[in-house]
Amino acid sequence: MQAEVLPETMKHLPRHTKSICQNFRVLSIIIQIRSRARILCEYQEKTILL
């Protein structure tokens, strides 16, 4: 049974991994933007306090 299922999953794999990679790329970009925004906010708060 395992041997029959394998080729089918291998057929679906490339497209699936591609979408996962795209999701990871989008996620990493979002994380970078959020961390930069947080740094900017902290920086602005410090400058306002000064």
N, C-alpha and C. Protein backbone atom coordinates (compact mmCIF):
# COMPACT_ATOMS: atom_id res chain seq x y z
N MET A 1 0.84 -1.20 0.00
CA MET A 1 0.00 0.00 0.00
C MET A 1 0.87 1.25 0.00
N GLN A 2 1.90 1.24 0.83
CA GLN A 2 2.80 2.38 0.94
C GLN A 2 3.41 2.73 -0.41
N ALA A 3 3.83 1.70 -1.16
CA ALA A 3 4.49 1.90 -2.44
C ALA A 3 3.53 2.50 -3.46
N GLU A 4 2.24 2.18 -3.35
CA GLU A 4 1.26 2.73 -4.29
C GLU A 4 0.99 4.20 -4.00
N VAL A 5 0.98 4.54 -2.74
CA VAL A 5 0.65 5.92 -2.35
C VAL A 5 1.79 6.87 -2.69
N LEU A 6 3.02 6.38 -2.59
CA LEU A 6 4.19 7.25 -2.72
C LEU A 6 4.26 8.04 -4.03
N PRO A 7 4.14 7.39 -5.22
CA PRO A 7 4.23 8.18 -6.45
C PRO A 7 3.19 9.29 -6.52
N GLU A 8 2.01 9.00 -6.01
CA GLU A 8 0.93 10.00 -6.02
C GLU A 8 1.32 11.22 -5.18
N THR A 9 1.87 10.98 -4.00
CA THR A 9 2.29 12.10 -3.15
C THR A 9 3.46 12.84 -3.78
N MET A 10 4.36 12.10 -4.43
CA MET A 10 5.51 12.74 -5.08
C MET A 10 5.05 13.67 -6.19
N LYS A 11 3.95 13.30 -6.85
CA LYS A 11 3.41 14.14 -7.91
C LYS A 11 2.91 15.47 -7.34
N HIS A 12 2.27 15.39 -6.18
CA HIS A 12 1.69 16.59 -5.58
C HIS A 12 2.73 17.44 -4.84
N LEU A 13 3.85 16.82 -4.50
CA LEU A 13 4.82 17.47 -3.61
C LEU A 13 5.38 18.79 -4.13
N PRO A 14 5.91 18.86 -5.37
CA PRO A 14 6.60 20.09 -5.78
C PRO A 14 5.73 21.34 -5.65
N ARG A 15 4.50 21.26 -6.12
CA ARG A 15 3.62 22.42 -6.05
C ARG A 15 3.36 22.79 -4.59
N HIS A 16 3.17 21.76 -3.75
CA HIS A 16 2.87 21.99 -2.34
C HIS A 16 4.05 22.66 -1.64
N THR A 17 5.26 22.15 -1.87
CA THR A 17 6.44 22.73 -1.22
C THR A 17 6.66 24.15 -1.72
N LYS A 18 6.34 24.38 -3.00
CA LYS A 18 6.51 25.72 -3.56
C LYS A 18 5.62 26.71 -2.82
N SER A 19 4.36 26.34 -2.60
CA SER A 19 3.44 27.23 -1.89
C SER A 19 3.90 27.44 -0.46
N ILE A 20 4.43 26.38 0.17
CA ILE A 20 4.95 26.51 1.53
C ILE A 20 6.11 27.50 1.56
N CYS A 21 7.00 27.38 0.56
CA CYS A 21 8.14 28.30 0.49
C CYS A 21 7.67 29.73 0.31
N GLN A 22 6.66 29.93 -0.53
CA GLN A 22 6.13 31.28 -0.73
C GLN A 22 5.53 31.81 0.56
N ASN A 23 4.80 30.94 1.29
CA ASN A 23 4.23 31.35 2.57
C ASN A 23 5.32 31.75 3.55
N PHE A 24 6.40 30.96 3.59
CA PHE A 24 7.51 31.29 4.49
C PHE A 24 8.13 32.62 4.11
N ARG A 25 8.28 32.88 2.81
CA ARG A 25 8.88 34.13 2.36
C ARG A 25 8.00 35.30 2.79
N VAL A 26 6.69 35.17 2.57
CA VAL A 26 5.76 36.23 2.97
C VAL A 26 5.81 36.43 4.48
N LEU A 27 5.82 35.32 5.22
CA LEU A 27 5.89 35.40 6.68
C LEU A 27 7.15 36.11 7.14
N SER A 28 8.29 35.76 6.55
CA SER A 28 9.55 36.39 6.96
C SER A 28 9.54 37.87 6.65
N ILE A 29 8.94 38.25 5.50
CA ILE A 29 8.84 39.68 5.16
C ILE A 29 7.97 40.40 6.18
N ILE A 30 6.83 39.78 6.54
CA ILE A 30 5.94 40.39 7.53
C ILE A 30 6.65 40.54 8.86
N ILE A 31 7.40 39.50 9.27
CA ILE A 31 8.13 39.56 10.54
C ILE A 31 9.17 40.67 10.50
N GLN A 32 9.88 40.80 9.37
CA GLN A 32 10.88 41.86 9.24
C GLN A 32 10.23 43.23 9.36
N ILE A 33 9.10 43.42 8.67
CA ILE A 33 8.40 44.71 8.71
C ILE A 33 7.95 45.02 10.13
N ARG A 34 7.40 43.99 10.81
CA ARG A 34 6.91 44.21 12.17
C ARG A 34 8.06 44.56 13.12
N SER A 35 9.18 43.86 12.99
CA SER A 35 10.31 44.13 13.87
C SER A 35 10.87 45.53 13.59
N ARG A 36 10.92 45.91 12.32
CA ARG A 36 11.38 47.27 11.98
C ARG A 36 10.42 48.31 12.53
N ALA A 37 9.13 48.05 12.41
CA ALA A 37 8.14 48.99 12.92
C ALA A 37 8.27 49.13 14.43
N ARG A 38 8.51 48.01 15.12
CA ARG A 38 8.67 48.06 16.58
C ARG A 38 9.91 48.85 16.94
N ILE A 39 11.01 48.64 16.20
CA ILE A 39 12.24 49.38 16.46
C ILE A 39 12.00 50.87 16.23
N LEU A 40 11.30 51.21 15.15
CA LEU A 40 10.99 52.61 14.85
C LEU A 40 10.15 53.22 15.96
N CYS A 41 9.14 52.48 16.43
CA CYS A 41 8.28 52.99 17.49
C CYS A 41 9.08 53.23 18.77
N GLU A 42 9.94 52.28 19.14
CA GLU A 42 10.76 52.45 20.34
C GLU A 42 11.69 53.64 20.17
N TYR A 43 12.25 53.78 18.97
CA TYR A 43 13.17 54.90 18.71
C TYR A 43 12.43 56.23 18.84
N GLN A 44 11.22 56.30 18.28
CA GLN A 44 10.45 57.53 18.36
C GLN A 44 10.07 57.85 19.80
N GLU A 45 9.70 56.82 20.57
CA GLU A 45 9.35 57.04 21.97
C GLU A 45 10.54 57.61 22.73
N LYS A 46 11.73 57.07 22.48
CA LYS A 46 12.93 57.56 23.16
C LYS A 46 13.21 59.01 22.78
N THR A 47 13.07 59.32 21.48
CA THR A 47 13.36 60.69 21.05
C THR A 47 12.32 61.66 21.60
N ILE A 48 11.07 61.20 21.71
CA ILE A 48 10.02 62.07 22.26
C ILE A 48 10.29 62.33 23.74
N LEU A 49 10.72 61.27 24.46
CA LEU A 49 11.02 61.43 25.88
C LEU A 49 12.19 62.38 26.09
N LEU A 50 13.17 62.34 25.19
CA LEU A 50 14.31 63.24 25.30
C LEU A 50 13.86 64.63 24.90
